Amino acid sequence: MRAAGSRANDPIELSVVIVNYNGGELVKACVGSVYDNAPRRPFEVIVVDNGSTDGSAAAIETAYPNVQLIRRKRNDGLAKAFNDGVAVMRGRHLLSLDDGTRVLPGAIDALLDFLQAHPSAGAAGARLYDPDMTVQPVARRFPNPLNAIFGRRSLLTKLFPNSPIVKRYLMSEFTDSIEPFEVDWNSSAAMAIRRAAIDQVGAMDPRYFVYWADADWCCRLRKAKWDIYCVPRSKVVHLENLRAGYRPRPKSRMIVDFHVGAYRFYRNNYLRAWWTPLGLISAAGLIVRAVPLLVTNEIGRLFSQAGAGRYKPAGSGPK
């Protein structure tokens, strides 16, 4: 959809690309927030539906008929779907938005203004917040092997949040910054990328399903000598892990995808061969981290199923 008052042949400054997978009301709110807090420049919105089964694609089509809706038959992951949106974008800049985000006033213009003022910047990410406006530490340095066990959400990070390893990775010194600061990578949940940078390095690596695709993308941008920043004036609420059908425990597939993606990132960007000491340390750390999560998740799933079977409503048994 174009900005109000623009004509079909007007140049598009910004293409907003949103990948939706069973986003329910959240994705409608996301799209609505873009129009409620629209940038000053002409823009379009592209929603790539990744084989949703909850009716959210039809709901977007009805509520926002001028959105360019791309329907995929199945969920092949974020990266492949996102690249479908990149392939049809017309803007000089791209804004990647997660389907569970809400853009706050001035957020989009803050990113575009920054990129316009800093031609060496290939990408600029928004400051992401929980619904209670707690900052999410998603503007980060690239991880080192120890971050396999001292990751953003790992148990050791929760036990030792002030560890130098954790603070360095999560760039804790910039938590309260109101000025833009340079980062190694931003979350693609809300990140603006210059079209010229995309033309140079390509879009997301489709071999990633979801996790670490943005880290890999930013790594390629930095290798191509583009700077990457976080712009705190750009504020976006990120309803992380809150989706239609959300379960308190992550699915085992999500756990596997996260750790496989992490290893792929290491292998693609740091390793010459998987059997190098660094590769073995990274793989071992990720396995040590993943196995307890998988076991805990499966035990919890089995207990939930047993509890659901034990407390069936009267009359709900076989007939």
C-alpha atoms as a PDB file:
ATOM      1  CA  MET A   1       0.000   0.000   0.000  1.00  0.00           C
ATOM      2  CA  ARG A   2       1.256   3.472  -0.858  1.00  0.00           C
ATOM      3  CA  ALA A   3       1.322   6.387   1.502  1.00  0.00           C
ATOM      4  CA  ALA A   4      -1.765   8.574   1.460  1.00  0.00           C
ATOM      5  CA  GLY A   5      -1.853  10.826  -1.572  1.00  0.00           C
ATOM      6  CA  SER A   6       0.806   9.015  -3.597  1.00  0.00           C
ATOM      7  CA  ARG A   7       0.156   7.857  -7.152  1.00  0.00           C
ATOM      8  CA  ALA A   8       0.849   4.460  -8.682  1.00  0.00           C
ATOM      9  CA  ASN A   9       3.895   5.762 -10.604  1.00  0.00           C
ATOM     10  CA  ASP A  10       5.385   7.633  -7.635  1.00  0.00           C
ATOM     11  CA  PRO A  11       8.773   6.345  -6.500  1.00  0.00           C
ATOM     12  CA  ILE A  12       8.562   4.125  -3.431  1.00  0.00           C
ATOM     13  CA  GLU A  13      10.992   5.034  -0.679  1.00  0.00           C
ATOM     14  CA  LEU A  14      10.214   2.134   1.639  1.00  0.00           C
ATOM     15  CA  SER A  15       9.016  -1.436   1.277  1.00  0.00           C
ATOM     16  CA  VAL A  16       7.755  -2.972   4.515  1.00  0.00           C
ATOM     17  CA  VAL A  17       8.035  -6.762   4.405  1.00  0.00           C
ATOM     18  CA  ILE A  18       6.187  -8.847   7.000  1.00  0.00           C
ATOM     19  CA  VAL A  19       6.265 -12.650   7.060  1.00  0.00           C
ATOM     20  CA  ASN A  20       3.122 -14.072   8.625  1.00  0.00           C
ATOM     21  CA  TYR A  21       2.636 -17.551   9.979  1.00  0.00           C
ATOM     22  CA  ASN A  22      -0.607 -18.036  11.913  1.00  0.00           C
ATOM     23  CA  GLY A  23      -0.269 -14.525  13.295  1.00  0.00           C
ATOM     24  CA  GLY A  24      -3.965 -14.178  14.093  1.00  0.00           C
ATOM     25  CA  GLU A  25      -4.928 -10.768  15.429  1.00  0.00           C
ATOM     26  CA  LEU A  26      -1.286  -9.930  16.111  1.00  0.00           C
ATOM     27  CA  VAL A  27      -0.353  -9.607  12.448  1.00  0.00           C
ATOM     28  CA  LYS A  28      -3.413  -7.433  11.790  1.00  0.00           C
ATOM     29  CA  ALA A  29      -2.313  -5.165  14.633  1.00  0.00           C
ATOM     30  CA  CYS A  30       1.209  -5.121  13.190  1.00  0.00           C
ATOM     31  CA  VAL A  31       0.023  -4.010   9.744  1.00  0.00           C
ATOM     32  CA  GLY A  32      -2.355  -1.504  11.316  1.00  0.00           C
ATOM     33  CA  SER A  33       0.454   0.029  13.364  1.00  0.00           C
ATOM     34  CA  VAL A  34       2.428   0.698  10.166  1.00  0.00           C
ATOM     35  CA  TYR A  35      -0.434   2.758   8.757  1.00  0.00           C
ATOM     36  CA  ASP A  36      -1.285   4.421  12.051  1.00  0.00           C
ATOM     37  CA  ASN A  37       2.351   5.535  12.359  1.00  0.00           C
ATOM     38  CA  ALA A  38       3.187   5.815   8.678  1.00  0.00           C
ATOM     39  CA  PRO A  39       6.451   7.369   7.476  1.00  0.00           C
ATOM     40  CA  ARG A  40       6.554  10.698   5.658  1.00  0.00           C
ATOM     41  CA  ARG A  41       7.883   9.001   2.525  1.00  0.00           C
ATOM     42  CA  PRO A  42       5.901   6.928   0.016  1.00  0.00           C
ATOM     43  CA  PHE A  43       5.815   3.294   1.090  1.00  0.00           C
ATOM     44  CA  GLU A  44       4.313  -0.080   0.336  1.00  0.00           C
ATOM     45  CA  VAL A  45       3.486  -3.039   2.567  1.00  0.00           C
ATOM     46  CA  ILE A  46       4.170  -6.605   1.461  1.00  0.00           C
ATOM     47  CA  VAL A  47       2.868  -9.473   3.576  1.00  0.00           C
ATOM     48  CA  VAL A  48       4.180 -12.932   2.776  1.00  0.00           C
ATOM     49  CA  ASP A  49       1.917 -15.573   4.257  1.00  0.00           C
ATOM     50  CA  ASN A  50       3.841 -18.727   5.041  1.00  0.00           C
ATOM     51  CA  GLY A  51       1.060 -21.284   4.659  1.00  0.00           C
ATOM     52  CA  SER A  52      -1.044 -20.069   7.591  1.00  0.00           C
ATOM     53  CA  THR A  53      -4.034 -22.174   8.612  1.00  0.00           C
ATOM     54  CA  ASP A  54      -5.679 -19.728  11.030  1.00  0.00           C
ATOM     55  CA  GLY A  55      -7.379 -17.480   8.474  1.00  0.00           C
ATOM     56  CA  SER A  56      -5.007 -14.586   9.129  1.00  0.00           C
ATOM     57  CA  ALA A  57      -4.088 -14.196   5.453  1.00  0.00           C
ATOM     58  CA  ALA A  58      -7.737 -13.741   4.483  1.00  0.00           C
ATOM     59  CA  ALA A  59      -8.221 -11.338   7.383  1.00  0.00           C
ATOM     60  CA  ILE A  60      -5.348  -9.161   6.173  1.00  0.00           C
ATOM     61  CA  GLU A  61      -6.678  -9.246   2.628  1.00  0.00           C
ATOM     62  CA  THR A  62     -10.082  -8.058   3.843  1.00  0.00           C
ATOM     63  CA  ALA A  63      -8.870  -5.424   6.291  1.00  0.00           C
ATOM     64  CA  TYR A  64      -6.075  -4.049   4.078  1.00  0.00           C
ATOM     65  CA  PRO A  65      -6.991  -4.631   0.423  1.00  0.00           C
ATOM     66  CA  ASN A  66      -4.070  -2.552  -0.866  1.00  0.00           C
ATOM     67  CA  VAL A  67      -1.446  -4.645   0.883  1.00  0.00           C
ATOM     68  CA  GLN A  68       0.482  -6.824  -1.517  1.00  0.00           C
ATOM     69  CA  LEU A  69      -0.249 -10.296  -0.177  1.00  0.00           C
ATOM     70  CA  ILE A  70       1.898 -13.218  -1.278  1.00  0.00           C
ATOM     71  CA  ARG A  71       0.448 -16.603  -0.349  1.00  0.00           C
ATOM     72  CA  ARG A  72       2.816 -19.536   0.041  1.00  0.00           C
ATOM     73  CA  LYS A  73       1.394 -23.044   0.116  1.00  0.00           C
ATOM     74  CA  ARG A  74       3.466 -24.231   3.066  1.00  0.00           C
ATOM     75  CA  ASN A  75       5.739 -22.999   5.819  1.00  0.00           C
ATOM     76  CA  ASP A  76       9.266 -23.275   4.449  1.00  0.00           C
ATOM     77  CA  GLY A  77      10.698 -21.014   7.115  1.00  0.00           C
ATOM     78  CA  LEU A  78      11.176 -17.308   7.626  1.00  0.00           C
ATOM     79  CA  ALA A  79      14.162 -16.808   5.347  1.00  0.00           C
ATOM     80  CA  LYS A  80      12.625 -18.273   2.182  1.00  0.00           C
ATOM     81  CA  ALA A  81       9.350 -16.426   2.707  1.00  0.00           C
ATOM     82  CA  PHE A  82      11.116 -13.172   3.488  1.00  0.00           C
ATOM     83  CA  ASN A  83      13.141 -13.453   0.308  1.00  0.00           C
ATOM     84  CA  ASP A  84       9.883 -13.721  -1.672  1.00  0.00           C
ATOM     85  CA  GLY A  85       8.999 -10.286  -0.331  1.00  0.00           C
ATOM     86  CA  VAL A  86      12.437  -8.900  -1.127  1.00  0.00           C
ATOM     87  CA  ALA A  87      12.097 -10.171  -4.701  1.00  0.00           C
ATOM     88  CA  VAL A  88       9.081  -7.937  -5.397  1.00  0.00           C
ATOM     89  CA  MET A  89       9.989  -4.865  -3.317  1.00  0.00           C
ATOM     90  CA  ARG A  90      10.147  -1.519  -5.106  1.00  0.00           C
ATOM     91  CA  GLY A  91      11.505   0.690  -2.349  1.00  0.00           C
ATOM     92  CA  ARG A  92      14.945   2.228  -1.946  1.00  0.00           C
ATOM     93  CA  HIS A  93      14.884   0.848   1.574  1.00  0.00           C
ATOM     94  CA  LEU A  94      13.428  -2.264   3.166  1.00  0.00           C
ATOM     95  CA  LEU A  95      11.857  -2.506   6.609  1.00  0.00           C
ATOM     96  CA  SER A  96      11.708  -6.032   7.965  1.00  0.00           C
ATOM     97  CA  LEU A  97       8.980  -6.479  10.584  1.00  0.00           C
ATOM     98  CA  ASP A  98       8.098  -9.526  12.630  1.00  0.00           C
ATOM     99  CA  ASP A  99       4.380 -10.369  12.509  1.00  0.00           C
ATOM    100  CA  GLY A 100       4.207  -9.894  16.275  1.00  0.00           C
ATOM    101  CA  THR A 101       5.472  -6.308  16.366  1.00  0.00           C
ATOM    102  CA  ARG A 102       3.745  -2.974  16.863  1.00  0.00           C
ATOM    103  CA  VAL A 103       5.366   0.124  15.406  1.00  0.00           C
ATOM    104  CA  LEU A 104       5.248   3.147  17.728  1.00  0.00           C
ATOM    105  CA  PRO A 105       4.935   6.789  16.559  1.00  0.00           C
ATOM    106  CA  GLY A 106       7.961   8.071  14.677  1.00  0.00           C
ATOM    107  CA  ALA A 107       9.733   4.700  14.654  1.00  0.00           C
ATOM    108  CA  ILE A 108       9.883   4.246  10.887  1.00  0.00           C
ATOM    109  CA  ASP A 109      10.948   7.806  10.124  1.00  0.00           C
ATOM    110  CA  ALA A 110      13.697   7.587  12.751  1.00  0.00           C
ATOM    111  CA  LEU A 111      15.246   4.649  10.881  1.00  0.00           C
ATOM    112  CA  LEU A 112      14.902   6.244   7.446  1.00  0.00           C
ATOM    113  CA  ASP A 113      16.234   9.597   8.680  1.00  0.00           C
ATOM    114  CA  PHE A 114      19.258   7.853  10.150  1.00  0.00           C
ATOM    115  CA  LEU A 115      20.037   5.911   6.979  1.00  0.00           C
ATOM    116  CA  GLN A 116      19.655   9.068   4.915  1.00  0.00           C
ATOM    117  CA  ALA A 117      22.092  10.933   7.182  1.00  0.00           C
ATOM    118  CA  HIS A 118      24.632   8.077   7.339  1.00  0.00           C
ATOM    119  CA  PRO A 119      25.400   6.745   3.855  1.00  0.00           C
ATOM    120  CA  SER A 120      27.902   4.216   5.233  1.00  0.00           C
ATOM    121  CA  ALA A 121      25.132   2.495   7.205  1.00  0.00           C
ATOM    122  CA  GLY A 122      23.705  -0.514   5.421  1.00  0.00           C
ATOM    123  CA  ALA A 123      21.158  -1.334   8.124  1.00  0.00           C
ATOM    124  CA  ALA A 124      19.579   0.265  11.173  1.00  0.00           C
ATOM    125  CA  GLY A 125      17.549  -1.581  13.759  1.00  0.00           C
ATOM    126  CA  ALA A 126      14.840  -0.321  16.061  1.00  0.00           C
ATOM    127  CA  ARG A 127      14.980  -0.584  19.825  1.00  0.00           C
ATOM    128  CA  LEU A 128      12.681  -3.499  20.685  1.00  0.00           C
ATOM    129  CA  TYR A 129      10.529  -3.594  23.812  1.00  0.00           C
ATOM    130  CA  ASP A 130       8.393  -6.053  25.728  1.00  0.00           C
ATOM    131  CA  PRO A 131       4.733  -4.995  26.122  1.00  0.00           C
ATOM    132  CA  ASP A 132       5.633  -3.450  29.507  1.00  0.00           C
ATOM    133  CA  MET A 133       8.331  -1.383  27.693  1.00  0.00           C
ATOM    134  CA  THR A 134      11.252  -3.344  29.082  1.00  0.00           C
ATOM    135  CA  VAL A 135      14.137  -3.215  26.614  1.00  0.00           C
ATOM    136  CA  GLN A 136      14.855  -6.460  24.781  1.00  0.00           C
ATOM    137  CA  PRO A 137      18.626  -7.010  24.383  1.00  0.00           C
ATOM    138  CA  VAL A 138      18.532  -7.868  20.699  1.00  0.00           C
ATOM    139  CA  ALA A 139      21.171  -5.424  19.408  1.00  0.00           C
ATOM    140  CA  ARG A 140      24.277  -7.521  19.900  1.00  0.00           C
ATOM    141  CA  ARG A 141      27.890  -8.233  19.162  1.00  0.00           C
ATOM    142  CA  PHE A 142      28.632 -11.355  17.210  1.00  0.00           C
ATOM    143  CA  PRO A 143      28.857 -14.359  19.537  1.00  0.00           C
ATOM    144  CA  ASN A 144      32.009 -16.222  20.452  1.00  0.00           C
ATOM    145  CA  PRO A 145      32.109 -19.957  21.277  1.00  0.00           C
ATOM    146  CA  LEU A 146      31.354 -19.322  24.963  1.00  0.00           C
ATOM    147  CA  ASN A 147      28.033 -17.769  23.984  1.00  0.00           C
ATOM    148  CA  ALA A 148      26.875 -21.273  23.119  1.00  0.00           C
ATOM    149  CA  ILE A 149      26.306 -21.611  26.880  1.00  0.00           C
ATOM    150  CA  PHE A 150      26.182 -17.893  27.749  1.00  0.00           C
ATOM    151  CA  GLY A 151      23.505 -16.983  25.187  1.00  0.00           C
ATOM    152  CA  ARG A 152      20.723 -14.472  25.480  1.00  0.00           C
ATOM    153  CA  ARG A 153      18.318 -16.940  27.116  1.00  0.00           C
ATOM    154  CA  SER A 154      20.576 -19.654  28.438  1.00  0.00           C
ATOM    155  CA  LEU A 155      20.423 -20.807  32.047  1.00  0.00           C
ATOM    156  CA  LEU A 156      23.955 -19.601  32.815  1.00  0.00           C
ATOM    157  CA  THR A 157      23.034 -16.123  31.565  1.00  0.00           C
ATOM    158  CA  LYS A 158      20.082 -16.066  33.949  1.00  0.00           C
ATOM    159  CA  LEU A 159      22.277 -17.255  36.807  1.00  0.00           C
ATOM    160  CA  PHE A 160      25.140 -14.876  36.003  1.00  0.00           C
ATOM    161  CA  PRO A 161      23.590 -11.869  34.205  1.00  0.00           C
ATOM    162  CA  ASN A 162      26.539  -9.635  35.096  1.00  0.00           C
ATOM    163  CA  SER A 163      29.132 -11.961  33.630  1.00  0.00           C
ATOM    164  CA  PRO A 164      31.547 -10.054  31.349  1.00  0.00           C
ATOM    165  CA  ILE A 165      30.819 -12.618  28.625  1.00  0.00           C
ATOM    166  CA  VAL A 166      27.083 -11.907  28.819  1.00  0.00           C
ATOM    167  CA  LYS A 167      27.446  -8.138  29.097  1.00  0.00           C
ATOM    168  CA  ARG A 168      29.771  -7.972  26.133  1.00  0.00           C
ATOM    169  CA  TYR A 169      27.525 -10.115  23.917  1.00  0.00           C
ATOM    170  CA  LEU A 170      24.333  -8.234  24.819  1.00  0.00           C
ATOM    171  CA  MET A 171      26.055  -4.818  24.677  1.00  0.00           C
ATOM    172  CA  SER A 172      24.779  -4.003  28.148  1.00  0.00           C
ATOM    173  CA  GLU A 173      26.689  -0.710  28.218  1.00  0.00           C
ATOM    174  CA  PHE A 174      24.201   0.674  25.685  1.00  0.00           C
ATOM    175  CA  THR A 175      20.992  -0.456  27.403  1.00  0.00           C
ATOM    176  CA  ASP A 176      20.079   3.100  28.443  1.00  0.00           C
ATOM    177  CA  SER A 177      21.562   4.854  25.415  1.00  0.00           C
ATOM    178  CA  ILE A 178      19.357   7.363  23.624  1.00  0.00           C
ATOM    179  CA  GLU A 179      21.901   7.954  20.846  1.00  0.00           C
ATOM    180  CA  PRO A 180      22.447   5.598  17.910  1.00  0.00           C
ATOM    181  CA  PHE A 181      25.243   3.102  18.464  1.00  0.00           C
ATOM    182  CA  GLU A 182      27.058   0.714  16.185  1.00  0.00           C
ATOM    183  CA  VAL A 183      26.346  -3.006  16.576  1.00  0.00           C
ATOM    184  CA  ASP A 184      27.438  -6.236  14.972  1.00  0.00           C
ATOM    185  CA  TRP A 185      23.890  -7.343  14.307  1.00  0.00           C
ATOM    186  CA  ASN A 186      20.253  -6.460  14.902  1.00  0.00           C
ATOM    187  CA  SER A 187      17.152  -8.595  15.075  1.00  0.00           C
ATOM    188  CA  SER A 188      15.226  -8.651  11.811  1.00  0.00           C
ATOM    189  CA  ALA A 189      12.061  -8.206  13.893  1.00  0.00           C
ATOM    190  CA  ALA A 190      12.408  -4.486  13.136  1.00  0.00           C
ATOM    191  CA  MET A 191      15.343  -3.557  10.926  1.00  0.00           C
ATOM    192  CA  ALA A 192      15.673  -1.191   7.973  1.00  0.00           C
ATOM    193  CA  ILE A 193      18.130  -2.144   5.231  1.00  0.00           C
ATOM    194  CA  ARG A 194      19.354  -0.063   2.326  1.00  0.00           C
ATOM    195  CA  ARG A 195      18.415  -1.496  -1.087  1.00  0.00           C
ATOM    196  CA  ALA A 196      21.947  -0.895  -2.351  1.00  0.00           C
ATOM    197  CA  ALA A 197      23.266  -3.104   0.451  1.00  0.00           C
ATOM    198  CA  ILE A 198      20.813  -5.875  -0.417  1.00  0.00           C
ATOM    199  CA  ASP A 199      21.819  -5.663  -4.061  1.00  0.00           C
ATOM    200  CA  GLN A 200      25.432  -6.134  -3.014  1.00  0.00           C
ATOM    201  CA  VAL A 201      25.180  -9.016  -0.508  1.00  0.00           C
ATOM    202  CA  GLY A 202      21.835 -10.590  -1.364  1.00  0.00           C
ATOM    203  CA  ALA A 203      18.854 -11.303   0.871  1.00  0.00           C
ATOM    204  CA  MET A 204      18.664 -13.812   3.740  1.00  0.00           C
ATOM    205  CA  ASP A 205      20.372 -17.169   3.384  1.00  0.00           C
ATOM    206  CA  PRO A 206      17.450 -19.557   2.658  1.00  0.00           C
ATOM    207  CA  ARG A 207      19.270 -22.435   4.364  1.00  0.00           C
ATOM    208  CA  TYR A 208      18.247 -20.952   7.715  1.00  0.00           C
ATOM    209  CA  PHE A 209      14.703 -21.809   8.762  1.00  0.00           C
ATOM    210  CA  VAL A 210      14.175 -18.988  11.260  1.00  0.00           C
ATOM    211  CA  TYR A 211      16.843 -18.475  13.878  1.00  0.00           C
ATOM    212  CA  TRP A 212      20.182 -16.808  13.091  1.00  0.00           C
ATOM    213  CA  ALA A 213      19.209 -15.777   9.575  1.00  0.00           C
ATOM    214  CA  ASP A 214      19.407 -12.121  10.628  1.00  0.00           C
ATOM    215  CA  ALA A 215      22.784 -12.564  12.348  1.00  0.00           C
ATOM    216  CA  ASP A 216      24.186 -14.186   9.212  1.00  0.00           C
ATOM    217  CA  TRP A 217      22.744 -11.420   7.031  1.00  0.00           C
ATOM    218  CA  CYS A 218      24.301  -8.706   9.182  1.00  0.00           C
ATOM    219  CA  CYS A 219      27.607 -10.564   9.141  1.00  0.00           C
ATOM    220  CA  ARG A 220      27.611 -10.508   5.357  1.00  0.00           C
ATOM    221  CA  LEU A 221      26.746  -6.800   5.381  1.00  0.00           C
ATOM    222  CA  ARG A 222      29.656  -6.031   7.676  1.00  0.00           C
ATOM    223  CA  LYS A 223      32.048  -8.120   5.588  1.00  0.00           C
ATOM    224  CA  ALA A 224      30.956  -5.958   2.642  1.00  0.00           C
ATOM    225  CA  LYS A 225      32.019  -2.880   4.687  1.00  0.00           C
ATOM    226  CA  TRP A 226      28.535  -1.662   5.560  1.00  0.00           C
ATOM    227  CA  ASP A 227      28.013  -0.255   9.059  1.00  0.00           C
ATOM    228  CA  ILE A 228      25.099  -1.465  11.198  1.00  0.00           C
ATOM    229  CA  TYR A 229      23.441   0.559  13.941  1.00  0.00           C
ATOM    230  CA  CYS A 230      20.712   0.463  16.548  1.00  0.00           C
ATOM    231  CA  VAL A 231      18.592   3.625  16.661  1.00  0.00           C
ATOM    232  CA  PRO A 232      16.954   3.977  20.113  1.00  0.00           C
ATOM    233  CA  ARG A 233      14.608   6.732  18.891  1.00  0.00           C
ATOM    234  CA  SER A 234      12.919   4.071  16.805  1.00  0.00           C
ATOM    235  CA  LYS A 235      10.732   2.161  19.251  1.00  0.00           C
ATOM    236  CA  VAL A 236       8.895  -1.035  18.360  1.00  0.00           C
ATOM    237  CA  VAL A 237       6.988  -3.337  20.705  1.00  0.00           C
ATOM    238  CA  HIS A 238       7.963  -6.929  20.037  1.00  0.00           C
ATOM    239  CA  LEU A 239       5.507  -9.539  21.284  1.00  0.00           C
ATOM    240  CA  GLU A 240       8.212 -12.163  21.233  1.00  0.00           C
ATOM    241  CA  ASN A 241       6.977 -15.775  21.215  1.00  0.00           C
ATOM    242  CA  LEU A 242       3.369 -14.606  21.519  1.00  0.00           C
ATOM    243  CA  ARG A 243       1.551 -16.153  18.575  1.00  0.00           C
ATOM    244  CA  ALA A 244      -1.785 -17.718  17.838  1.00  0.00           C
ATOM    245  CA  GLY A 245      -1.601 -21.167  19.402  1.00  0.00           C
ATOM    246  CA  TYR A 246       1.394 -20.172  21.535  1.00  0.00           C
ATOM    247  CA  ARG A 247       2.426 -22.727  24.150  1.00  0.00           C
ATOM    248  CA  PRO A 248       4.396 -21.876  27.289  1.00  0.00           C
ATOM    249  CA  ARG A 249       6.979 -24.521  26.404  1.00  0.00           C
ATOM    250  CA  PRO A 250       8.773 -24.126  23.085  1.00  0.00           C
ATOM    251  CA  LYS A 251       8.257 -26.879  20.564  1.00  0.00           C
ATOM    252  CA  SER A 252      11.141 -29.273  20.148  1.00  0.00           C
ATOM    253  CA  ARG A 253      11.428 -28.232  16.518  1.00  0.00           C
ATOM    254  CA  MET A 254      12.077 -24.641  17.617  1.00  0.00           C
ATOM    255  CA  ILE A 255      14.825 -25.789  19.975  1.00  0.00           C
ATOM    256  CA  VAL A 256      16.473 -27.882  17.272  1.00  0.00           C
ATOM    257  CA  ASP A 257      16.149 -25.093  14.696  1.00  0.00           C
ATOM    258  CA  PHE A 258      17.734 -22.560  17.051  1.00  0.00           C
ATOM    259  CA  HIS A 259      20.779 -24.714  17.742  1.00  0.00           C
ATOM    260  CA  VAL A 260      21.192 -25.939  14.169  1.00  0.00           C
ATOM    261  CA  GLY A 261      20.980 -22.315  13.024  1.00  0.00           C
ATOM    262  CA  ALA A 262      23.565 -21.262  15.601  1.00  0.00           C
ATOM    263  CA  TYR A 263      25.998 -23.909  14.401  1.00  0.00           C
ATOM    264  CA  ARG A 264      25.358 -22.973  10.760  1.00  0.00           C
ATOM    265  CA  PHE A 265      26.164 -19.358  11.634  1.00  0.00           C
ATOM    266  CA  TYR A 266      29.464 -20.389  13.230  1.00  0.00           C
ATOM    267  CA  ARG A 267      30.312 -22.689  10.354  1.00  0.00           C
ATOM    268  CA  ASN A 268      29.466 -20.157   7.646  1.00  0.00           C
ATOM    269  CA  ASN A 269      31.264 -17.218   9.172  1.00  0.00           C
ATOM    270  CA  TYR A 270      34.070 -18.497  11.394  1.00  0.00           C
ATOM    271  CA  LEU A 271      35.065 -22.055  10.568  1.00  0.00           C
ATOM    272  CA  ARG A 272      37.185 -23.483   7.806  1.00  0.00           C
ATOM    273  CA  ALA A 273      36.117 -27.026   8.670  1.00  0.00           C
ATOM    274  CA  TRP A 274      33.739 -28.530  11.224  1.00  0.00           C
ATOM    275  CA  TRP A 275      36.529 -30.526  12.863  1.00  0.00           C
ATOM    276  CA  THR A 276      38.665 -27.494  13.850  1.00  0.00           C
ATOM    277  CA  PRO A 277      38.975 -26.928  17.638  1.00  0.00           C
ATOM    278  CA  LEU A 278      36.658 -23.933  17.414  1.00  0.00           C
ATOM    279  CA  GLY A 279      34.108 -25.998  15.510  1.00  0.00           C
ATOM    280  CA  LEU A 280      34.234 -28.838  18.016  1.00  0.00           C
ATOM    281  CA  ILE A 281      33.916 -26.448  20.978  1.00  0.00           C
ATOM    282  CA  SER A 282      30.942 -24.692  19.371  1.00  0.00           C
ATOM    283  CA  ALA A 283      29.196 -27.946  18.487  1.00  0.00           C
ATOM    284  CA  ALA A 284      29.796 -29.421  21.943  1.00  0.00           C
ATOM    285  CA  GLY A 285      28.528 -26.306  23.689  1.00  0.00           C
ATOM    286  CA  LEU A 286      25.390 -26.189  21.579  1.00  0.00           C
ATOM    287  CA  ILE A 287      24.689 -29.879  22.168  1.00  0.00           C
ATOM    288  CA  VAL A 288      25.164 -29.448  25.911  1.00  0.00           C
ATOM    289  CA  ARG A 289      22.751 -26.541  25.783  1.00  0.00           C
ATOM    290  CA  ALA A 290      20.157 -28.197  23.534  1.00  0.00           C
ATOM    291  CA  VAL A 291      19.798 -31.646  25.080  1.00  0.00           C
ATOM    292  CA  PRO A 292      18.469 -30.563  28.513  1.00  0.00           C
ATOM    293  CA  LEU A 293      16.029 -28.202  26.803  1.00  0.00           C
ATOM    294  CA  LEU A 294      14.741 -30.977  24.550  1.00  0.00           C
ATOM    295  CA  VAL A 295      14.414 -33.448  27.417  1.00  0.00           C
ATOM    296  CA  THR A 296      12.647 -30.913  29.634  1.00  0.00           C
ATOM    297  CA  ASN A 297      10.337 -29.912  26.819  1.00  0.00           C
ATOM    298  CA  GLU A 298       9.366 -33.477  25.957  1.00  0.00           C
ATOM    299  CA  ILE A 299       8.770 -34.393  29.603  1.00  0.00           C
ATOM    300  CA  GLY A 300       6.580 -31.337  30.001  1.00  0.00           C
ATOM    301  CA  ARG A 301       4.672 -32.193  26.840  1.00  0.00           C
ATOM    302  CA  LEU A 302       4.017 -35.741  28.044  1.00  0.00           C
ATOM    303  CA  PHE A 303       2.801 -34.509  31.440  1.00  0.00           C
ATOM    304  CA  SER A 304       0.517 -31.980  29.732  1.00  0.00           C
ATOM    305  CA  GLN A 305      -0.966 -34.677  27.530  1.00  0.00           C
ATOM    306  CA  ALA A 306      -1.444 -36.980  30.513  1.00  0.00           C
ATOM    307  CA  GLY A 307      -3.128 -34.210  32.480  1.00  0.00           C
ATOM    308  CA  ALA A 308      -5.424 -33.345  29.598  1.00  0.00           C
ATOM    309  CA  GLY A 309      -6.460 -36.988  29.304  1.00  0.00           C
ATOM    310  CA  ARG A 310      -7.049 -37.341  33.040  1.00  0.00           C
ATOM    311  CA  TYR A 311      -9.341 -34.331  33.366  1.00  0.00           C
ATOM    312  CA  LYS A 312     -11.615 -34.692  30.355  1.00  0.00           C
ATOM    313  CA  PRO A 313     -14.980 -32.955  30.751  1.00  0.00           C
ATOM    314  CA  ALA A 314     -17.918 -35.221  31.490  1.00  0.00           C
ATOM    315  CA  GLY A 315     -19.329 -36.728  28.352  1.00  0.00           C
ATOM    316  CA  SER A 316     -16.210 -36.077  26.314  1.00  0.00           C
ATOM    317  CA  GLY A 317     -15.108 -39.722  26.119  1.00  0.00           C
ATOM    318  CA  PRO A 318     -15.585 -42.102  23.205  1.00  0.00           C
ATOM    319  CA  LYS A 319     -19.163 -42.726  22.133  1.00  0.00           C
END
